[in-house]
Protein backbone atom coordinates (compact mmCIF):
# COMPACT_ATOMS: atom_id res chain seq x y z
CA MET A 1 31.90 4.78 -32.10
CA ALA A 2 29.62 7.67 -33.02
CA GLU A 3 27.35 4.61 -34.87
CA GLU A 4 27.44 2.47 -31.93
CA GLU A 5 26.18 5.09 -29.46
CA GLU A 6 23.58 5.83 -31.70
CA GLU A 7 22.34 1.97 -31.99
CA SER A 8 22.42 1.94 -28.32
CA GLU A 9 20.03 4.82 -27.72
CA LEU A 10 17.01 3.46 -26.42
CA SER A 11 13.78 4.27 -28.18
CA ASP A 12 10.80 5.83 -26.49
CA LYS A 13 8.85 2.60 -26.28
CA GLN A 14 11.66 1.01 -24.56
CA LYS A 15 12.32 3.78 -22.18
CA VAL A 16 8.26 3.33 -21.17
CA GLU A 17 8.53 -0.42 -20.93
CA ILE A 18 11.77 -0.09 -18.35
CA ALA A 19 10.04 2.62 -16.72
CA LYS A 20 6.88 0.34 -16.14
CA TRP A 21 8.79 -2.44 -14.93
CA PHE A 22 10.42 -0.34 -12.10
CA LEU A 23 6.99 1.04 -11.00
CA LEU A 24 5.45 -2.57 -10.86
CA ASN A 25 8.28 -4.01 -9.19
CA SER A 26 8.17 -1.25 -6.27
CA PRO A 27 7.96 -2.73 -2.86
CA PRO A 28 4.83 -2.18 -0.81
CA GLY A 29 4.17 1.58 -0.03
CA GLU A 30 7.21 2.59 -1.94
CA ILE A 31 5.82 3.18 -5.50
CA GLN A 32 5.81 6.98 -5.08
CA TYR A 33 9.24 7.22 -4.11
CA VAL A 34 9.77 4.99 -7.23
CA ALA A 35 7.94 7.13 -9.40
CA LYS A 36 9.91 10.45 -8.31
CA ASP A 37 12.96 8.70 -9.20
CA VAL A 38 11.86 7.18 -12.69
CA LYS A 39 10.05 10.61 -13.42
CA SER A 40 13.78 12.35 -13.06
CA ILE A 41 15.74 9.71 -15.00
CA LEU A 42 13.17 9.99 -18.03
CA ASN A 43 13.21 13.76 -18.04
CA SER A 44 9.98 13.79 -19.98
CA ASP A 45 6.63 14.35 -18.47
CA ASP A 46 4.95 12.72 -21.69
CA LEU A 47 7.13 9.23 -21.43
CA TYR A 48 6.56 9.37 -17.62
CA ASN A 49 2.77 9.99 -17.68
CA GLU A 50 2.44 7.16 -20.31
CA ALA A 51 4.24 4.84 -18.04
CA ALA A 52 2.51 5.87 -14.98
CA SER A 53 -1.08 5.55 -16.43
CA GLU A 54 -0.28 2.07 -17.23
CA ALA A 55 1.54 0.81 -14.29
CA PHE A 56 -0.18 2.61 -11.35
CA PRO A 57 -3.58 1.09 -12.01
CA PHE A 58 -2.08 -2.59 -12.09
CA TYR A 59 0.15 -1.75 -9.03
CA ASN A 60 -2.81 -0.53 -7.11
CA LYS A 61 -5.19 -3.41 -7.70
CA SER A 62 -2.51 -6.23 -7.16
CA HIS A 63 -1.25 -4.65 -3.94
CA LEU A 64 -5.13 -4.09 -2.75
CA ILE A 65 -4.17 -0.44 -1.34
CA SER A 66 -6.87 1.06 0.41
CA LEU A 67 -7.88 4.67 0.42
CA GLN A 68 -10.15 6.73 2.38
CA LEU A 69 -13.27 7.99 0.92
CA SER A 70 -13.39 11.50 -0.05
CA ASN A 71 -16.48 12.01 2.09
CA ARG A 72 -14.46 10.10 5.17
CA SER A 73 -17.29 7.69 5.72
CA GLY A 74 -14.96 4.82 5.53
CA ASP A 75 -12.20 3.18 3.22
CA VAL A 76 -12.51 1.58 -0.37
CA LEU A 77 -10.46 -1.32 -1.70
CA VAL A 78 -8.79 -0.91 -5.00
CA THR A 79 -9.63 -4.49 -6.25
CA SER A 80 -10.60 -5.99 -9.39
CA PHE A 81 -13.64 -7.38 -7.68
CA GLY A 82 -15.02 -4.06 -7.01
CA GLU A 83 -14.17 -2.39 -10.40
CA LEU A 84 -16.61 -0.56 -12.80
CA GLU A 85 -15.93 1.70 -15.59
CA GLY A 86 -14.06 4.94 -15.40
CA ASN A 87 -11.59 4.19 -12.69
CA ALA A 88 -14.81 3.66 -10.23
CA PHE A 89 -14.68 1.23 -7.51
CA LEU A 90 -17.49 -0.32 -5.46
CA GLU A 91 -17.41 -0.03 -1.56
CA PRO A 92 -20.34 -2.76 -1.03
CA ARG A 93 -20.29 -2.11 2.95
CA THR A 94 -21.82 1.39 2.35
CA ALA A 95 -23.09 0.80 -1.37
CA GLN A 96 -20.94 3.73 -2.32
CA VAL A 97 -18.98 3.86 -5.74
CA ALA A 98 -15.47 5.77 -5.25
CA MET A 99 -13.74 7.78 -8.33
CA VAL A 100 -10.12 6.89 -7.86
CA ASP A 101 -6.91 8.86 -9.11
CA HIS A 102 -4.43 5.79 -9.43
CA VAL A 103 -1.55 8.10 -9.88
CA LYS A 104 -2.14 10.32 -6.86
CA GLN A 105 -3.43 7.28 -4.93
CA VAL A 106 -6.44 9.19 -3.60
CA CYS A 107 -10.15 8.91 -3.97
CA THR A 108 -11.33 12.19 -5.85
CA GLY A 109 -15.59 11.66 -5.42
CA VAL A 110 -18.11 9.75 -4.46
CA ARG A 111 -21.57 8.74 -5.17
CA PRO A 112 -24.29 6.25 -4.30
CA ALA A 113 -24.18 2.64 -6.01
CA THR A 114 -27.07 1.91 -8.42
CA ASP A 115 -29.51 -1.03 -7.85
CA GLU A 116 -28.02 -2.79 -10.79
CA GLU A 117 -24.11 -2.42 -9.27
CA LEU A 118 -25.48 -4.19 -6.21
CA PRO A 119 -26.57 -7.76 -5.59
CA SER A 120 -29.98 -9.14 -5.06
CA PRO A 121 -31.28 -9.31 -1.46
CA TYR A 122 -30.90 -13.10 -1.30
CA VAL A 123 -27.09 -13.05 -1.95
CA GLU A 124 -26.82 -9.66 -0.21
CA GLU A 125 -27.87 -11.40 2.97
CA PHE A 126 -25.15 -13.98 2.48
CA ARG A 127 -22.65 -10.97 1.87
CA CYS A 128 -23.63 -8.78 4.89
CA ASN A 129 -23.38 -11.69 7.46
CA LEU A 130 -19.92 -12.75 5.95
CA ASP A 131 -18.67 -9.28 5.83
CA ALA A 132 -19.49 -8.60 9.52
CA GLU A 133 -17.83 -12.04 10.62
CA VAL A 134 -14.76 -11.18 8.63
CA ILE A 135 -14.37 -7.37 10.24
CA LYS A 136 -14.40 -9.37 13.79
CA TYR A 137 -11.54 -11.54 12.49
CA VAL A 138 -9.65 -8.49 10.76
CA GLU A 139 -9.99 -6.32 13.76
CA GLU A 140 -8.64 -9.05 16.10
CA THR A 141 -6.08 -9.82 13.71
CA TYR A 142 -4.50 -7.07 11.76
CA PRO A 143 -3.68 -3.75 13.50
CA LYS A 144 -4.26 -1.77 10.51
CA GLY A 145 -6.44 -4.27 8.27
CA VAL A 146 -9.07 -3.38 5.77
CA CYS A 147 -11.61 -5.89 4.40
CA SER A 148 -14.34 -6.13 2.11
CA VAL A 149 -16.65 -8.95 0.78
CA TYR A 150 -17.91 -8.47 -2.79
CA CYS A 151 -20.23 -10.68 -4.93
CA ALA A 152 -17.90 -11.98 -7.57
CA SER A 153 -20.53 -13.61 -9.65
CA GLY A 154 -24.38 -14.41 -9.77
CA LYS A 155 -25.36 -11.39 -8.14
CA ASP A 156 -28.80 -11.30 -9.73
CA VAL A 157 -29.58 -15.06 -8.06
CA GLU A 158 -33.29 -14.25 -6.36
CA GLY A 159 -33.11 -17.33 -4.39
CA PRO A 160 -32.37 -20.90 -3.27
CA GLY A 161 -31.65 -23.40 -6.28
CA SER A 162 -28.83 -21.16 -8.12
CA ASN A 163 -25.04 -20.69 -7.46
CA PHE A 164 -22.99 -17.52 -6.65
CA GLU A 165 -20.11 -16.70 -5.55
CA LEU A 166 -18.59 -14.13 -3.12
CA ALA A 167 -15.16 -12.96 -2.63
CA VAL A 168 -13.35 -11.68 0.57
CA VAL A 169 -10.43 -9.32 0.41
CA ILE A 170 -8.24 -8.65 3.37
CA SER A 171 -5.33 -6.06 2.90
CA ALA A 172 -3.30 -5.20 5.73
CA ALA A 173 -0.20 -2.79 5.52
CA ARG A 174 2.40 -1.17 8.04
CA HIS A 175 4.85 1.25 6.19
CA SER A 176 7.55 2.90 8.33
CA PRO A 177 9.93 4.22 5.71
CA GLN A 178 11.80 6.52 8.59
CA ASN A 179 12.48 2.95 9.99
CA PHE A 180 13.78 1.65 6.81
CA CYS A 181 10.96 -1.24 6.60
CA ASN A 182 7.71 -1.62 4.84
CA GLY A 183 5.41 -4.38 4.47
CA SER A 184 1.97 -5.63 3.62
CA TRP A 185 -0.57 -8.91 3.49
CA CYS A 186 -2.77 -9.22 1.21
CA SER A 187 -5.09 -12.10 0.93
CA ILE A 188 -8.11 -13.04 -1.48
CA TRP A 189 -10.70 -16.05 -0.58
CA ASN A 190 -13.05 -16.88 -3.70
CA ILE A 191 -16.16 -18.22 -1.77
CA ASP A 192 -18.16 -20.61 -4.52
CA PHE A 193 -21.48 -21.53 -3.04
CA LYS A 194 -22.83 -24.72 -4.94
CA ASP A 195 -26.59 -24.83 -4.10
CA ASP A 196 -27.09 -28.08 -6.33
CA GLN A 197 -24.29 -29.92 -4.00
CA GLN A 198 -25.00 -28.09 -0.81
CA THR A 199 -21.55 -27.31 -0.49
CA VAL A 200 -19.34 -24.10 -0.14
CA GLU A 201 -15.84 -24.46 -1.79
CA VAL A 202 -13.32 -22.03 -0.19
CA LYS A 203 -10.11 -21.01 -2.15
CA GLY A 204 -7.38 -18.75 -0.90
CA LYS A 205 -4.55 -16.88 -2.35
CA VAL A 206 -2.17 -15.26 0.01
CA GLN A 207 0.78 -12.93 -0.61
CA VAL A 208 3.27 -11.33 1.79
CA GLY A 209 5.38 -8.54 0.88
CA ALA A 210 8.17 -7.11 2.85
CA HIS A 211 11.43 -4.76 2.23
CA TYR A 212 13.96 -3.74 5.09
CA PHE A 213 16.68 -1.46 3.69
CA GLU A 214 18.73 -0.12 6.59
CA GLU A 215 22.30 -0.70 5.49
CA GLY A 216 21.32 -3.08 2.79
CA ASN A 217 18.25 -4.17 0.74
CA VAL A 218 16.44 -7.17 1.69
CA GLN A 219 13.01 -8.17 0.32
CA LEU A 220 10.51 -10.69 1.15
CA ASP A 221 7.92 -12.06 -1.60
CA ALA A 222 5.94 -14.77 -0.42
CA LYS A 223 2.72 -16.33 -1.96
CA HIS A 224 0.58 -19.30 -0.63
CA GLU A 225 -2.68 -21.07 -1.86
CA CYS A 226 -4.99 -23.37 -0.21
CA LYS A 227 -8.40 -24.83 -0.47
CA ASP A 228 -11.44 -26.07 1.93
CA ALA A 229 -14.89 -26.49 2.06
CA THR A 230 -17.94 -26.47 4.09
CA LEU A 231 -21.80 -27.23 3.85
CA PHE A 232 -24.12 -24.75 2.36
CA GLN A 233 -26.08 -23.52 5.57
CA ALA A 234 -28.05 -20.57 6.59
CA PRO A 235 -26.24 -17.13 5.91
CA GLU A 236 -25.09 -16.47 9.62
CA GLU A 237 -24.02 -20.56 9.86
CA CYS A 238 -22.11 -20.16 6.66
CA ALA A 239 -20.45 -16.99 7.63
CA LEU A 240 -19.13 -18.12 10.87
CA ALA A 241 -17.90 -21.57 9.43
CA ILE A 242 -15.97 -19.34 6.22
CA THR A 243 -14.69 -17.15 8.58
CA SER A 244 -13.31 -20.01 10.77
CA ILE A 245 -11.48 -21.79 7.58
CA ILE A 246 -9.97 -18.24 6.87
CA ARG A 247 -8.75 -17.74 10.30
CA HIS A 248 -7.39 -21.06 10.19
CA HIS A 249 -5.50 -20.87 7.12
CA GLU A 250 -4.10 -17.63 7.59
CA THR A 251 -2.82 -18.27 11.32
CA GLU A 252 -1.28 -21.74 9.99
CA TYR A 253 0.58 -19.89 7.02
CA LEU A 254 1.80 -17.22 9.47
CA ALA A 255 3.13 -19.78 11.68
CA SER A 256 4.94 -21.61 9.06
CA LEU A 257 6.42 -18.18 7.72
CA GLU A 258 7.73 -17.82 11.52
CA ALA A 259 9.30 -20.87 11.71
CA SER A 260 11.06 -20.86 8.13
CA TYR A 261 12.83 -17.64 9.10
CA LEU A 262 13.74 -18.81 12.48
CA ASN A 263 15.69 -21.56 10.81
CA LEU A 264 17.30 -18.89 8.31
CA PRO A 265 20.92 -18.93 10.05
CA ASP A 266 21.04 -22.74 9.90
CA SER A 267 19.83 -23.31 6.50
CA THR A 268 19.28 -20.48 3.76
CA PHE A 269 22.35 -18.09 4.79
CA LYS A 270 24.71 -21.20 5.33
CA ASP A 271 24.05 -21.82 1.52
CA LEU A 272 24.84 -18.25 0.11
CA ARG A 273 28.20 -18.45 0.83
CA ARG A 274 31.56 -20.59 1.57
CA LYS A 275 31.84 -22.25 4.79
CA LEU A 276 35.39 -20.84 5.09
CA PRO A 277 35.86 -17.06 3.93
CA VAL A 278 38.92 -15.67 2.88
CA THR A 279 39.96 -15.13 6.57
CA ARG A 280 39.89 -18.76 6.66
CA THR A 281 37.58 -18.17 9.85
CA LEU A 282 34.30 -19.78 10.32
CA PHE A 283 31.50 -17.39 10.48
CA PRO A 284 29.47 -17.10 13.94
CA TRP A 285 26.03 -18.42 12.68
CA HIS A 286 24.62 -19.20 16.17
CA ASN A 287 25.06 -15.42 16.82
CA THR A 288 24.10 -13.38 13.65
CA LEU A 289 21.92 -10.97 15.28
CA GLN A 290 24.93 -9.16 16.68
CA PHE A 291 25.71 -8.02 13.27
CA SER A 292 24.59 -5.01 11.08
CA LEU A 293 24.17 -5.84 7.32
CA THR A 294 27.71 -4.26 6.60
CA ARG A 295 29.58 -2.38 8.98
CA ASP A 296 29.99 -5.40 11.63
CA ILE A 297 30.28 -7.98 8.98
CA SER A 298 32.75 -6.57 7.48
CA LYS A 299 34.80 -5.77 10.60
CA GLU A 300 34.37 -9.38 11.73
CA LEU A 301 35.41 -11.08 8.30
CA GLY A 302 38.29 -8.57 7.88
CA ILE A 303 37.09 -7.06 4.77
CA GLY A 304 38.25 -3.71 3.46
CA LYS A 305 41.15 -4.02 5.81
């Protein structure tokens, strides 16, 4: 028996990997709560620091978290498009570079960006115009949205005749743990300017996450991809056309999400259980909103009596 217990003991490497899994799979806005519990379970600062140092940077970038700049001049998005060496991230709108503490999720310092870290004046004109239009869209659409436009490739292009790529990043979060719910919207739009073909290709990826945990544990993790294109025009016209494409696809996807969840009682929920439970009574799918996740359903079905 003692030998079996010894064999079942996890190695330090396994403990770190398990801790990383829990951290990386934390719902939107809840990684600090998960980290506190993980640290308590590990009961080892060394193991926790090893897991956190690997998990937090990946989590922060994949969830596109935004942090207030230490000089309070704005926000910086933690994304691979703006990532520089040494946990530094470019904020292209104000031409600043933020130093980020990934585990604490705070900006610890700010410095001006160098010329090498910024795109050429030609590319910057396209980036600035697109950034201005996207700001208007995000302010109209997302109550707590943050956006930024980066030069993803070709930042040294000096004029017409060459291709380059911009990336629009939109991040919106609503964290309300006191009301047992958190959620986030993350979208990345790769804008490929093809001068040789006089076209602009737009590829979008949207990720929506939500967590509701009052008397239960319900999570949403939805992803969507789409493509579109427009003509290669002057910076102002390109910005308007690209923003219109983004608005159209995001609005369409949100509408499809709302429609699918309105139909949950008639489709998905019905497939989760037998038509006749142990009480031999049909569940009232037409009026599911009257029940809480546990107490009222238990009472209706006679569970626990």
